[in-house]
Amino acid sequence: MPDEVPAQEPVNKGTDSEILGSAAPSDVTATGELHENASFSKAALLAEYTALKNEQTQRIVVRDTVLYVSITANTAIAAIYQQQQNQDPRILLAIPFVSTLLFWIYATNDSMITQIRRYIVSNIVQRFSDGGEENAISLFGWEYLRRRRTFVRLISKMIRLIAVWSTFSGASIVALAATAPNSQDLLHDVPWLVAVAFTALPYIFGLWLLDL
């Protein structure tokens, strides 16, 4: 009889998942960590974006409300003046002080609104969009639309600035004209001169609102 060939033991090839798992476990782990870090980073950026947009919305509401508060306050001061038995026009000098204070609240919120928009475009959008500016525009088109510097936008900004000046300084100019002292006492009337300085502030610093 011929010699019997000894039976060979079957080779345990294992499943595909076991082979892939044993082939390069460090590469699979590193890839998973990269995806996890990228997802966490985008989630953090999205949370920051949401918080900043909420703050921006709140500041827009405060900014627009200040306009109506200014008109209401000036009307109230004028009404108090009209209801006085012995009308003293000097009470109208309160209008420039109140108007300028409200203007600073308006300008501060308007400046923060612009800074938030710039931060979103230059930091969050660029870091969130891995595909470059075209991908960023497709994801955050509204932020880029408001960023465009066009002639129509410039005209709109100028009209808005004139409206702001009229709201916060128009009544102040009327109050100064109504309480203007004689030319001899002009340089000695300190309250009136201070009111003039307050009235000029919105015109000096109002150009910040253009956001060119």
N, C-alpha and C. Protein backbone atom coordinates (compact mmCIF):
# COMPACT_ATOMS: atom_id res chain seq x y z
N MET A 1 0.85 -1.20 0.00
CA MET A 1 0.00 0.00 0.00
C MET A 1 0.88 1.24 0.00
N PRO A 2 0.45 2.19 -0.74
CA PRO A 2 1.25 3.43 -0.71
C PRO A 2 1.13 4.11 0.64
N ASP A 3 2.16 4.84 0.91
CA ASP A 3 2.15 5.57 2.20
C ASP A 3 1.02 6.57 2.20
N GLU A 4 0.32 6.63 3.29
CA GLU A 4 -0.79 7.59 3.42
C GLU A 4 -0.23 8.99 3.63
N VAL A 5 -0.80 9.89 2.86
CA VAL A 5 -0.40 11.30 3.01
C VAL A 5 -1.10 11.88 4.22
N PRO A 6 -0.37 12.47 5.14
CA PRO A 6 -1.02 13.02 6.34
C PRO A 6 -1.93 14.17 6.00
N ALA A 7 -3.07 14.16 6.59
CA ALA A 7 -4.05 15.24 6.33
C ALA A 7 -3.53 16.57 6.82
N GLN A 8 -3.67 17.58 5.91
CA GLN A 8 -3.23 18.93 6.30
C GLN A 8 -4.32 19.63 7.09
N GLU A 9 -3.86 20.36 8.07
CA GLU A 9 -4.82 21.10 8.89
C GLU A 9 -5.37 22.27 8.10
N PRO A 10 -6.67 22.51 8.16
CA PRO A 10 -7.27 23.62 7.39
C PRO A 10 -6.75 24.97 7.89
N VAL A 11 -6.49 25.81 6.89
CA VAL A 11 -6.00 27.15 7.23
C VAL A 11 -7.17 28.02 7.62
N ASN A 12 -7.09 28.64 8.77
CA ASN A 12 -8.15 29.51 9.27
C ASN A 12 -7.94 30.91 8.71
N LYS A 13 -8.68 31.17 7.65
CA LYS A 13 -8.51 32.48 7.01
C LYS A 13 -9.20 33.61 7.78
N GLY A 14 -10.23 33.30 8.51
CA GLY A 14 -10.94 34.32 9.28
C GLY A 14 -11.87 35.13 8.40
N THR A 15 -12.70 35.91 9.04
CA THR A 15 -13.66 36.73 8.32
C THR A 15 -12.99 37.98 7.78
N ASP A 16 -13.71 38.68 6.86
CA ASP A 16 -13.15 39.91 6.28
C ASP A 16 -12.95 40.98 7.33
N SER A 17 -13.89 41.09 8.27
CA SER A 17 -13.76 42.11 9.31
C SER A 17 -12.57 41.86 10.20
N GLU A 18 -12.30 40.54 10.44
CA GLU A 18 -11.14 40.23 11.27
C GLU A 18 -9.86 40.57 10.55
N ILE A 19 -9.85 40.32 9.23
CA ILE A 19 -8.64 40.63 8.46
C ILE A 19 -8.41 42.13 8.43
N LEU A 20 -9.49 42.91 8.16
CA LEU A 20 -9.35 44.36 8.15
C LEU A 20 -8.97 44.90 9.50
N GLY A 21 -9.53 44.25 10.53
CA GLY A 21 -9.24 44.73 11.88
C GLY A 21 -7.81 44.48 12.27
N SER A 22 -7.24 43.38 11.77
CA SER A 22 -5.88 43.07 12.15
C SER A 22 -4.86 43.66 11.20
N ALA A 23 -5.35 44.20 10.04
CA ALA A 23 -4.40 44.69 9.04
C ALA A 23 -3.73 45.95 9.51
N ALA A 24 -4.52 46.97 9.87
CA ALA A 24 -3.92 48.25 10.26
C ALA A 24 -4.80 48.90 11.30
N PRO A 25 -4.79 48.43 12.51
CA PRO A 25 -5.67 48.99 13.55
C PRO A 25 -5.32 50.43 13.88
N SER A 26 -4.06 50.80 13.78
CA SER A 26 -3.67 52.17 14.11
C SER A 26 -4.22 53.16 13.10
N ASP A 27 -4.25 52.75 11.80
CA ASP A 27 -4.78 53.63 10.77
C ASP A 27 -6.28 53.84 10.95
N VAL A 28 -7.00 52.75 11.25
CA VAL A 28 -8.44 52.87 11.46
C VAL A 28 -8.74 53.75 12.66
N THR A 29 -7.99 53.60 13.72
CA THR A 29 -8.20 54.42 14.93
C THR A 29 -7.91 55.88 14.65
N ALA A 30 -6.82 56.14 13.93
CA ALA A 30 -6.46 57.53 13.62
C ALA A 30 -7.53 58.18 12.75
N THR A 31 -8.04 57.44 11.76
CA THR A 31 -9.09 57.99 10.90
C THR A 31 -10.35 58.30 11.69
N GLY A 32 -10.71 57.38 12.59
CA GLY A 32 -11.89 57.63 13.42
C GLY A 32 -11.73 58.84 14.30
N GLU A 33 -10.53 59.01 14.85
CA GLU A 33 -10.28 60.17 15.71
C GLU A 33 -10.34 61.46 14.90
N LEU A 34 -9.83 61.44 13.67
CA LEU A 34 -9.88 62.64 12.84
C LEU A 34 -11.33 63.03 12.53
N HIS A 35 -12.14 62.04 12.17
CA HIS A 35 -13.55 62.33 11.89
C HIS A 35 -14.27 62.84 13.15
N GLU A 36 -13.94 62.26 14.28
CA GLU A 36 -14.58 62.68 15.53
C GLU A 36 -14.17 64.10 15.88
N ASN A 37 -12.88 64.43 15.72
CA ASN A 37 -12.41 65.78 16.02
C ASN A 37 -13.02 66.80 15.07
N ALA A 38 -13.12 66.43 13.78
CA ALA A 38 -13.72 67.34 12.80
C ALA A 38 -15.18 67.59 13.12
N SER A 39 -15.90 66.54 13.49
CA SER A 39 -17.31 66.71 13.84
C SER A 39 -17.48 67.57 15.08
N PHE A 40 -16.63 67.34 16.07
CA PHE A 40 -16.71 68.14 17.30
C PHE A 40 -16.38 69.61 17.01
N SER A 41 -15.37 69.85 16.15
CA SER A 41 -14.98 71.22 15.82
C SER A 41 -16.11 71.94 15.10
N LYS A 42 -16.76 71.28 14.16
CA LYS A 42 -17.86 71.92 13.44
C LYS A 42 -19.07 72.15 14.33
N ALA A 43 -19.30 71.22 15.27
CA ALA A 43 -20.40 71.41 16.21
C ALA A 43 -20.14 72.62 17.11
N ALA A 44 -18.87 72.79 17.53
CA ALA A 44 -18.52 73.94 18.36
C ALA A 44 -18.67 75.24 17.57
N LEU A 45 -18.24 75.24 16.30
CA LEU A 45 -18.38 76.43 15.46
C LEU A 45 -19.85 76.76 15.23
N LEU A 46 -20.66 75.75 15.01
CA LEU A 46 -22.09 75.97 14.79
C LEU A 46 -22.76 76.53 16.04
N ALA A 47 -22.34 76.03 17.21
CA ALA A 47 -22.89 76.55 18.47
C ALA A 47 -22.48 78.02 18.68
N GLU A 48 -21.23 78.33 18.35
CA GLU A 48 -20.77 79.72 18.48
C GLU A 48 -21.51 80.62 17.49
N TYR A 49 -21.71 80.12 16.28
CA TYR A 49 -22.44 80.89 15.26
C TYR A 49 -23.87 81.19 15.73
N THR A 50 -24.53 80.18 16.29
CA THR A 50 -25.90 80.35 16.76
C THR A 50 -25.96 81.37 17.89
N ALA A 51 -25.00 81.30 18.83
CA ALA A 51 -24.99 82.23 19.96
C ALA A 51 -24.74 83.66 19.47
N LEU A 52 -23.83 83.83 18.53
CA LEU A 52 -23.53 85.17 18.02
C LEU A 52 -24.71 85.73 17.23
N LYS A 53 -25.40 84.91 16.46
CA LYS A 53 -26.56 85.39 15.72
C LYS A 53 -27.68 85.79 16.67
N ASN A 54 -27.83 85.07 17.78
CA ASN A 54 -28.83 85.46 18.78
C ASN A 54 -28.47 86.80 19.41
N GLU A 55 -27.20 86.98 19.74
CA GLU A 55 -26.77 88.27 20.30
C GLU A 55 -26.97 89.39 19.28
N GLN A 56 -26.64 89.11 18.03
CA GLN A 56 -26.81 90.11 16.98
C GLN A 56 -28.28 90.51 16.84
N THR A 57 -29.17 89.55 16.90
CA THR A 57 -30.61 89.83 16.80
C THR A 57 -31.08 90.69 17.97
N GLN A 58 -30.62 90.37 19.17
CA GLN A 58 -30.99 91.15 20.35
C GLN A 58 -30.49 92.59 20.24
N ARG A 59 -29.28 92.75 19.74
CA ARG A 59 -28.73 94.11 19.60
C ARG A 59 -29.45 94.89 18.51
N ILE A 60 -29.90 94.23 17.47
CA ILE A 60 -30.68 94.91 16.44
C ILE A 60 -31.99 95.42 17.02
N VAL A 61 -32.64 94.61 17.86
CA VAL A 61 -33.89 95.03 18.50
C VAL A 61 -33.65 96.24 19.40
N VAL A 62 -32.57 96.20 20.21
CA VAL A 62 -32.26 97.33 21.09
C VAL A 62 -31.95 98.57 20.28
N ARG A 63 -31.14 98.41 19.23
CA ARG A 63 -30.77 99.56 18.39
C ARG A 63 -31.99 100.23 17.78
N ASP A 64 -32.89 99.45 17.22
CA ASP A 64 -34.07 100.03 16.58
C ASP A 64 -35.04 100.61 17.60
N THR A 65 -35.08 100.01 18.79
CA THR A 65 -35.98 100.52 19.83
C THR A 65 -35.52 101.89 20.32
N VAL A 66 -34.20 102.11 20.35
CA VAL A 66 -33.65 103.38 20.85
C VAL A 66 -34.15 104.54 19.99
N LEU A 67 -34.36 104.33 18.71
CA LEU A 67 -34.88 105.40 17.85
C LEU A 67 -36.24 105.88 18.34
N TYR A 68 -37.12 104.94 18.64
CA TYR A 68 -38.46 105.30 19.12
C TYR A 68 -38.39 105.90 20.52
N VAL A 69 -37.46 105.42 21.34
CA VAL A 69 -37.31 105.98 22.68
C VAL A 69 -36.86 107.44 22.59
N SER A 70 -35.96 107.74 21.65
CA SER A 70 -35.50 109.12 21.48
C SER A 70 -36.64 110.05 21.09
N ILE A 71 -37.45 109.62 20.15
CA ILE A 71 -38.59 110.45 19.73
C ILE A 71 -39.56 110.65 20.88
N THR A 72 -39.81 109.58 21.64
CA THR A 72 -40.73 109.67 22.78
C THR A 72 -40.19 110.60 23.85
N ALA A 73 -38.90 110.49 24.15
CA ALA A 73 -38.29 111.32 25.20
C ALA A 73 -38.32 112.80 24.81
N ASN A 74 -37.98 113.10 23.56
CA ASN A 74 -38.00 114.49 23.12
C ASN A 74 -39.42 115.06 23.15
N THR A 75 -40.39 114.24 22.77
CA THR A 75 -41.78 114.69 22.81
C THR A 75 -42.23 114.95 24.25
N ALA A 76 -41.77 114.10 25.18
CA ALA A 76 -42.14 114.28 26.59
C ALA A 76 -41.55 115.56 27.15
N ILE A 77 -40.29 115.86 26.81
CA ILE A 77 -39.66 117.10 27.30
C ILE A 77 -40.38 118.32 26.73
N ALA A 78 -40.73 118.27 25.45
CA ALA A 78 -41.46 119.39 24.84
C ALA A 78 -42.84 119.55 25.47
N ALA A 79 -43.48 118.44 25.83
CA ALA A 79 -44.79 118.51 26.48
C ALA A 79 -44.68 119.13 27.86
N ILE A 80 -43.63 118.78 28.60
CA ILE A 80 -43.42 119.38 29.93
C ILE A 80 -43.22 120.89 29.80
N TYR A 81 -42.48 121.28 28.79
CA TYR A 81 -42.26 122.72 28.55
C TYR A 81 -43.57 123.44 28.25
N GLN A 82 -44.42 122.83 27.45
CA GLN A 82 -45.69 123.46 27.09
C GLN A 82 -46.65 123.54 28.26
N GLN A 83 -46.56 122.62 29.21
CA GLN A 83 -47.49 122.57 30.33
C GLN A 83 -47.06 123.45 31.50
N GLN A 84 -45.87 124.03 31.41
CA GLN A 84 -45.42 124.93 32.49
C GLN A 84 -46.26 126.20 32.51
N GLN A 85 -46.57 126.65 33.72
CA GLN A 85 -47.28 127.92 33.84
C GLN A 85 -46.38 129.07 33.44
N ASN A 86 -45.21 129.11 34.02
CA ASN A 86 -44.20 130.09 33.61
C ASN A 86 -43.17 129.35 32.76
N GLN A 87 -43.39 129.37 31.47
CA GLN A 87 -42.57 128.55 30.58
C GLN A 87 -41.12 129.02 30.58
N ASP A 88 -40.26 128.10 30.96
CA ASP A 88 -38.82 128.35 30.96
C ASP A 88 -38.20 127.53 29.84
N PRO A 89 -37.75 128.17 28.77
CA PRO A 89 -37.21 127.41 27.63
C PRO A 89 -35.93 126.65 27.96
N ARG A 90 -35.32 126.97 29.10
CA ARG A 90 -34.06 126.28 29.44
C ARG A 90 -34.26 124.78 29.66
N ILE A 91 -35.51 124.40 29.97
CA ILE A 91 -35.76 122.97 30.16
C ILE A 91 -35.53 122.21 28.86
N LEU A 92 -35.63 122.91 27.73
CA LEU A 92 -35.42 122.26 26.45
C LEU A 92 -33.96 121.84 26.24
N LEU A 93 -33.06 122.38 27.05
CA LEU A 93 -31.66 121.99 26.94
C LEU A 93 -31.44 120.54 27.36
N ALA A 94 -32.46 119.95 27.99
CA ALA A 94 -32.35 118.53 28.33
C ALA A 94 -32.40 117.64 27.09
N ILE A 95 -32.97 118.17 26.01
CA ILE A 95 -33.10 117.37 24.79
C ILE A 95 -31.74 116.97 24.21
N PRO A 96 -30.78 117.89 24.07
CA PRO A 96 -29.47 117.46 23.54
C PRO A 96 -28.79 116.41 24.40
N PHE A 97 -28.91 116.51 25.72
CA PHE A 97 -28.26 115.53 26.59
C PHE A 97 -28.91 114.15 26.43
N VAL A 98 -30.24 114.11 26.45
CA VAL A 98 -30.96 112.84 26.32
C VAL A 98 -30.72 112.24 24.94
N SER A 99 -30.79 113.07 23.90
CA SER A 99 -30.62 112.57 22.54
C SER A 99 -29.23 112.00 22.31
N THR A 100 -28.21 112.67 22.84
CA THR A 100 -26.84 112.20 22.64
C THR A 100 -26.59 110.91 23.41
N LEU A 101 -27.15 110.82 24.62
CA LEU A 101 -27.01 109.58 25.39
C LEU A 101 -27.64 108.41 24.64
N LEU A 102 -28.83 108.61 24.12
CA LEU A 102 -29.49 107.55 23.36
C LEU A 102 -28.75 107.25 22.07
N PHE A 103 -28.13 108.28 21.47
CA PHE A 103 -27.34 108.04 20.26
C PHE A 103 -26.17 107.11 20.55
N TRP A 104 -25.51 107.29 21.68
CA TRP A 104 -24.38 106.42 22.02
C TRP A 104 -24.84 104.99 22.21
N ILE A 105 -26.01 104.80 22.80
CA ILE A 105 -26.55 103.44 22.92
C ILE A 105 -26.81 102.86 21.54
N TYR A 106 -27.39 103.68 20.67
CA TYR A 106 -27.64 103.23 19.30
C TYR A 106 -26.34 102.87 18.58
N ALA A 107 -25.35 103.78 18.64
CA ALA A 107 -24.10 103.58 17.92
C ALA A 107 -23.32 102.39 18.46
N THR A 108 -23.34 102.19 19.79
CA THR A 108 -22.62 101.07 20.39
C THR A 108 -23.19 99.74 19.91
N ASN A 109 -24.50 99.62 19.92
CA ASN A 109 -25.13 98.38 19.45
C ASN A 109 -24.91 98.19 17.96
N ASP A 110 -24.99 99.26 17.18
CA ASP A 110 -24.77 99.15 15.75
C ASP A 110 -23.33 98.70 15.46
N SER A 111 -22.37 99.22 16.21
CA SER A 111 -20.97 98.82 16.03
C SER A 111 -20.77 97.34 16.37
N MET A 112 -21.41 96.88 17.45
CA MET A 112 -21.28 95.47 17.83
C MET A 112 -21.94 94.55 16.80
N ILE A 113 -23.03 94.99 16.22
CA ILE A 113 -23.69 94.20 15.17
C ILE A 113 -22.74 94.01 13.99
N THR A 114 -22.05 95.08 13.61
CA THR A 114 -21.10 94.99 12.51
C THR A 114 -19.91 94.11 12.86
N GLN A 115 -19.39 94.23 14.08
CA GLN A 115 -18.25 93.42 14.49
C GLN A 115 -18.61 91.94 14.53
N ILE A 116 -19.81 91.63 14.98
CA ILE A 116 -20.25 90.22 15.00
C ILE A 116 -20.29 89.67 13.58
N ARG A 117 -20.84 90.45 12.64
CA ARG A 117 -20.91 89.98 11.26
C ARG A 117 -19.52 89.76 10.69
N ARG A 118 -18.60 90.68 10.96
CA ARG A 118 -17.23 90.51 10.45
C ARG A 118 -16.55 89.29 11.07
N TYR A 119 -16.78 89.06 12.35
CA TYR A 119 -16.17 87.89 12.99
C TYR A 119 -16.73 86.60 12.41
N ILE A 120 -18.02 86.57 12.17
CA ILE A 120 -18.62 85.36 11.61
C ILE A 120 -18.03 85.05 10.23
N VAL A 121 -17.90 86.09 9.40
CA VAL A 121 -17.40 85.87 8.04
C VAL A 121 -15.92 85.50 8.04
N SER A 122 -15.12 86.18 8.85
CA SER A 122 -13.66 86.00 8.79
C SER A 122 -13.17 84.82 9.62
N ASN A 123 -13.94 84.34 10.57
CA ASN A 123 -13.49 83.26 11.45
C ASN A 123 -14.36 82.01 11.33
N ILE A 124 -15.61 82.13 11.71
CA ILE A 124 -16.45 80.94 11.78
C ILE A 124 -16.70 80.36 10.39
N VAL A 125 -17.09 81.20 9.44
CA VAL A 125 -17.42 80.70 8.11
C VAL A 125 -16.21 80.07 7.44
N GLN A 126 -15.06 80.72 7.53
CA GLN A 126 -13.86 80.21 6.89
C GLN A 126 -13.41 78.89 7.51
N ARG A 127 -13.52 78.76 8.81
CA ARG A 127 -13.10 77.52 9.47
C ARG A 127 -14.13 76.41 9.29
N PHE A 128 -15.39 76.78 9.16
CA PHE A 128 -16.44 75.77 9.01
C PHE A 128 -16.44 75.19 7.60
N SER A 129 -16.10 75.99 6.61
CA SER A 129 -16.17 75.57 5.21
C SER A 129 -14.81 75.07 4.77
N ASP A 130 -14.69 73.77 4.63
CA ASP A 130 -13.42 73.19 4.20
C ASP A 130 -13.22 73.30 2.70
N GLY A 131 -14.26 73.58 1.97
CA GLY A 131 -14.16 73.59 0.51
C GLY A 131 -13.82 74.92 -0.09
N GLY A 132 -13.35 75.87 0.67
CA GLY A 132 -12.97 77.16 0.14
C GLY A 132 -14.11 78.17 0.19
N GLU A 133 -13.88 79.33 -0.46
CA GLU A 133 -14.84 80.42 -0.38
C GLU A 133 -16.15 80.08 -1.10
N GLU A 134 -16.08 79.33 -2.20
CA GLU A 134 -17.32 78.99 -2.90
C GLU A 134 -18.23 78.15 -2.02
N ASN A 135 -17.64 77.21 -1.30
CA ASN A 135 -18.43 76.39 -0.38
C ASN A 135 -18.96 77.24 0.77
N ALA A 136 -18.16 78.20 1.23
CA ALA A 136 -18.60 79.08 2.31
C ALA A 136 -19.78 79.93 1.88
N ILE A 137 -19.73 80.45 0.64
CA ILE A 137 -20.83 81.27 0.13
C ILE A 137 -22.11 80.45 0.00
N SER A 138 -21.97 79.20 -0.41
CA SER A 138 -23.15 78.34 -0.54
C SER A 138 -23.75 78.00 0.82
N LEU A 139 -22.92 77.93 1.86
CA LEU A 139 -23.42 77.59 3.20
C LEU A 139 -23.93 78.82 3.94
N PHE A 140 -23.22 79.95 3.81
CA PHE A 140 -23.55 81.17 4.55
C PHE A 140 -23.73 82.32 3.56
N GLY A 141 -24.63 82.14 2.60
CA GLY A 141 -24.81 83.14 1.56
C GLY A 141 -25.27 84.49 2.08
N TRP A 142 -26.12 84.48 3.12
CA TRP A 142 -26.65 85.75 3.65
C TRP A 142 -25.53 86.60 4.23
N GLU A 143 -24.58 85.99 4.92
CA GLU A 143 -23.48 86.75 5.51
C GLU A 143 -22.64 87.40 4.42
N TYR A 144 -22.43 86.71 3.31
CA TYR A 144 -21.64 87.26 2.22
C TYR A 144 -22.42 88.30 1.43
N LEU A 145 -23.73 88.13 1.34
CA LEU A 145 -24.55 89.10 0.63
C LEU A 145 -24.50 90.46 1.32
N ARG A 146 -24.57 90.47 2.63
CA ARG A 146 -24.52 91.73 3.38
C ARG A 146 -23.12 92.33 3.37
N ARG A 147 -22.13 91.54 3.01
CA ARG A 147 -20.75 92.01 3.00
C ARG A 147 -20.40 92.76 1.72
N ARG A 148 -21.21 92.57 0.66
CA ARG A 148 -20.89 93.16 -0.63
C ARG A 148 -20.95 94.68 -0.56
N ARG A 149 -19.93 95.33 -1.12
CA ARG A 149 -19.85 96.79 -1.15
C ARG A 149 -20.30 97.27 -2.53
N THR A 150 -21.51 97.71 -2.61
CA THR A 150 -22.07 98.17 -3.87
C THR A 150 -22.49 99.63 -3.74
N PHE A 151 -22.75 100.26 -4.88
CA PHE A 151 -23.17 101.65 -4.88
C PHE A 151 -24.53 101.80 -4.20
N VAL A 152 -25.42 100.84 -4.43
CA VAL A 152 -26.74 100.89 -3.81
C VAL A 152 -26.61 100.80 -2.29
N ARG A 153 -25.69 99.94 -1.82
CA ARG A 153 -25.49 99.80 -0.38
C ARG A 153 -24.94 101.10 0.21
N LEU A 154 -24.04 101.78 -0.52
CA LEU A 154 -23.49 103.05 -0.04
C LEU A 154 -24.58 104.11 0.07
N ILE A 155 -25.44 104.20 -0.94
CA ILE A 155 -26.54 105.17 -0.90
C ILE A 155 -27.47 104.84 0.26
N SER A 156 -27.77 103.56 0.45
CA SER A 156 -28.64 103.16 1.55
C SER A 156 -28.04 103.54 2.90
N LYS A 157 -26.73 103.34 3.04
CA LYS A 157 -26.06 103.71 4.29
C LYS A 157 -26.10 105.21 4.52
N MET A 158 -25.92 106.01 3.48
CA MET A 158 -25.95 107.46 3.62
C MET A 158 -27.35 107.93 4.02
N ILE A 159 -28.38 107.37 3.41
CA ILE A 159 -29.75 107.74 3.77
C ILE A 159 -30.04 107.38 5.22
N ARG A 160 -29.57 106.20 5.61
CA ARG A 160 -29.78 105.77 7.00
C ARG A 160 -29.04 106.70 7.98
N LEU A 161 -27.83 107.12 7.62
CA LEU A 161 -27.07 108.02 8.50
C LEU A 161 -27.77 109.37 8.63
N ILE A 162 -28.30 109.88 7.53
CA ILE A 162 -29.02 111.16 7.58
C ILE A 162 -30.27 111.03 8.46
N ALA A 163 -30.94 109.88 8.37
CA ALA A 163 -32.13 109.65 9.21
C ALA A 163 -31.74 109.58 10.68
N VAL A 164 -30.60 108.95 10.97
CA VAL A 164 -30.13 108.87 12.36
C VAL A 164 -29.78 110.26 12.88
N TRP A 165 -29.07 111.04 12.06
CA TRP A 165 -28.73 112.40 12.47
C TRP A 165 -30.00 113.23 12.74
N SER A 166 -30.98 113.09 11.86
CA SER A 166 -32.21 113.87 12.03
C SER A 166 -32.94 113.46 13.30
N THR A 167 -32.93 112.16 13.60
CA THR A 167 -33.66 111.67 14.78
C THR A 167 -33.00 112.13 16.06
N PHE A 168 -31.68 111.99 16.15
CA PHE A 168 -31.00 112.26 17.41
C PHE A 168 -30.54 113.71 17.56
N SER A 169 -30.41 114.44 16.46
CA SER A 169 -29.91 115.81 16.58
C SER A 169 -30.89 116.86 16.05
N GLY A 170 -31.91 116.44 15.31
CA GLY A 170 -32.85 117.43 14.79
C GLY A 170 -33.56 118.19 15.89
N ALA A 171 -34.11 117.45 16.87
CA ALA A 171 -34.78 118.10 17.99
C ALA A 171 -33.80 118.91 18.83
N SER A 172 -32.57 118.46 18.92
CA SER A 172 -31.56 119.20 19.70
C SER A 172 -31.27 120.55 19.07
N ILE A 173 -31.20 120.60 17.75
CA ILE A 173 -30.95 121.87 17.07
C ILE A 173 -32.11 122.84 17.29
N VAL A 174 -33.33 122.32 17.26
CA VAL A 174 -34.51 123.17 17.53
C VAL A 174 -34.46 123.70 18.95
N ALA A 175 -34.07 122.82 19.90
CA ALA A 175 -33.99 123.24 21.31
C ALA A 175 -32.91 124.31 21.49
N LEU A 176 -31.78 124.16 20.81
CA LEU A 176 -30.72 125.17 20.91
C LEU A 176 -31.16 126.50 20.33
N ALA A 177 -31.90 126.45 19.23
CA ALA A 177 -32.38 127.70 18.64
C ALA A 177 -33.39 128.38 19.55
N ALA A 178 -34.22 127.61 20.24
CA ALA A 178 -35.23 128.18 21.12
C ALA A 178 -34.63 128.76 22.39
N THR A 179 -33.47 128.28 22.80
CA THR A 179 -32.85 128.72 24.07
C THR A 179 -31.58 129.52 23.83
N ALA A 180 -31.34 129.94 22.60
CA ALA A 180 -30.10 130.66 22.30
C ALA A 180 -30.05 131.98 23.06
N PRO A 181 -28.95 132.27 23.76
CA PRO A 181 -28.82 133.54 24.49
C PRO A 181 -28.48 134.68 23.54
N ASN A 182 -28.45 135.87 24.10
CA ASN A 182 -28.04 137.02 23.31
C ASN A 182 -26.58 136.90 22.91
N SER A 183 -26.23 137.59 21.85
CA SER A 183 -24.85 137.50 21.36
C SER A 183 -23.84 137.96 22.42
N GLN A 184 -24.24 138.90 23.29
CA GLN A 184 -23.33 139.36 24.33
C GLN A 184 -23.08 138.27 25.38
N ASP A 185 -24.09 137.46 25.64
CA ASP A 185 -23.96 136.43 26.68
C ASP A 185 -23.64 135.05 26.11
N LEU A 186 -23.39 134.99 24.83
CA LEU A 186 -23.23 133.69 24.17
C LEU A 186 -22.08 132.88 24.76
N LEU A 187 -20.95 133.50 24.96
CA LEU A 187 -19.76 132.79 25.46
C LEU A 187 -19.80 132.57 26.96
N HIS A 188 -20.78 133.17 27.64
CA HIS A 188 -20.87 133.03 29.09
C HIS A 188 -21.96 132.04 29.51
N ASP A 189 -22.74 131.60 28.56
CA ASP A 189 -23.81 130.66 28.87
C ASP A 189 -23.27 129.23 28.77
N VAL A 190 -22.72 128.76 29.87
CA VAL A 190 -22.06 127.45 29.88
C VAL A 190 -23.01 126.30 29.57
N PRO A 191 -24.21 126.24 30.19
CA PRO A 191 -25.12 125.12 29.86
C PRO A 191 -25.46 125.06 28.37
N TRP A 192 -25.67 126.21 27.76
CA TRP A 192 -26.01 126.23 26.34
C TRP A 192 -24.83 125.76 25.49
N LEU A 193 -23.62 126.19 25.84
CA LEU A 193 -22.44 125.77 25.09
C LEU A 193 -22.19 124.26 25.23
N VAL A 194 -22.43 123.74 26.43
CA VAL A 194 -22.28 122.28 26.63
C VAL A 194 -23.32 121.53 25.79
N ALA A 195 -24.54 122.08 25.74
CA ALA A 195 -25.58 121.46 24.92
C ALA A 195 -25.20 121.47 23.45
N VAL A 196 -24.55 122.54 23.01
CA VAL A 196 -24.07 122.60 21.62
C VAL A 196 -23.05 121.49 21.36
N ALA A 197 -22.13 121.30 22.30
CA ALA A 197 -21.12 120.24 22.15
C ALA A 197 -21.77 118.86 22.08
N PHE A 198 -22.77 118.63 22.93
CA PHE A 198 -23.47 117.34 22.90
C PHE A 198 -24.21 117.14 21.58
N THR A 199 -24.77 118.22 21.05
CA THR A 199 -25.49 118.12 19.79
C THR A 199 -24.55 117.79 18.64
N ALA A 200 -23.32 118.25 18.71
CA ALA A 200 -22.35 118.02 17.63
C ALA A 200 -21.78 116.61 17.64
N LEU A 201 -21.82 115.93 18.77
CA LEU A 201 -21.21 114.60 18.87
C LEU A 201 -21.77 113.59 17.87
N PRO A 202 -23.08 113.47 17.72
CA PRO A 202 -23.58 112.51 16.72
C PRO A 202 -23.09 112.79 15.31
N TYR A 203 -22.90 114.08 14.97
CA TYR A 203 -22.41 114.41 13.64
C TYR A 203 -20.93 114.05 13.48
N ILE A 204 -20.18 114.18 14.57
CA ILE A 204 -18.73 113.89 14.50
C ILE A 204 -18.49 112.40 14.42
N PHE A 205 -19.15 111.64 15.30
CA PHE A 205 -18.89 110.21 15.40
C PHE A 205 -19.90 109.36 14.62
N GLY A 206 -20.88 110.00 13.99
CA GLY A 206 -21.89 109.23 13.28
C GLY A 206 -21.36 108.53 12.05
N LEU A 207 -20.20 108.95 11.55
CA LEU A 207 -19.64 108.31 10.36
C LEU A 207 -19.25 106.87 10.64
N TRP A 208 -19.11 106.50 11.91
CA TRP A 208 -18.86 105.09 12.26
C TRP A 208 -19.98 104.20 11.73
N LEU A 209 -21.18 104.77 11.66
CA LEU A 209 -22.34 103.96 11.30
C LEU A 209 -22.37 103.60 9.82
N LEU A 210 -21.49 104.22 9.02
CA LEU A 210 -21.50 103.94 7.59
C LEU A 210 -21.02 102.52 7.31
N ASP A 211 -20.05 102.03 8.07
CA ASP A 211 -19.53 100.68 7.88
C ASP A 211 -19.13 100.44 6.43
N LEU A 212 -18.27 101.31 5.92
CA LEU A 212 -17.86 101.20 4.51
C LEU A 212 -16.85 100.08 4.34
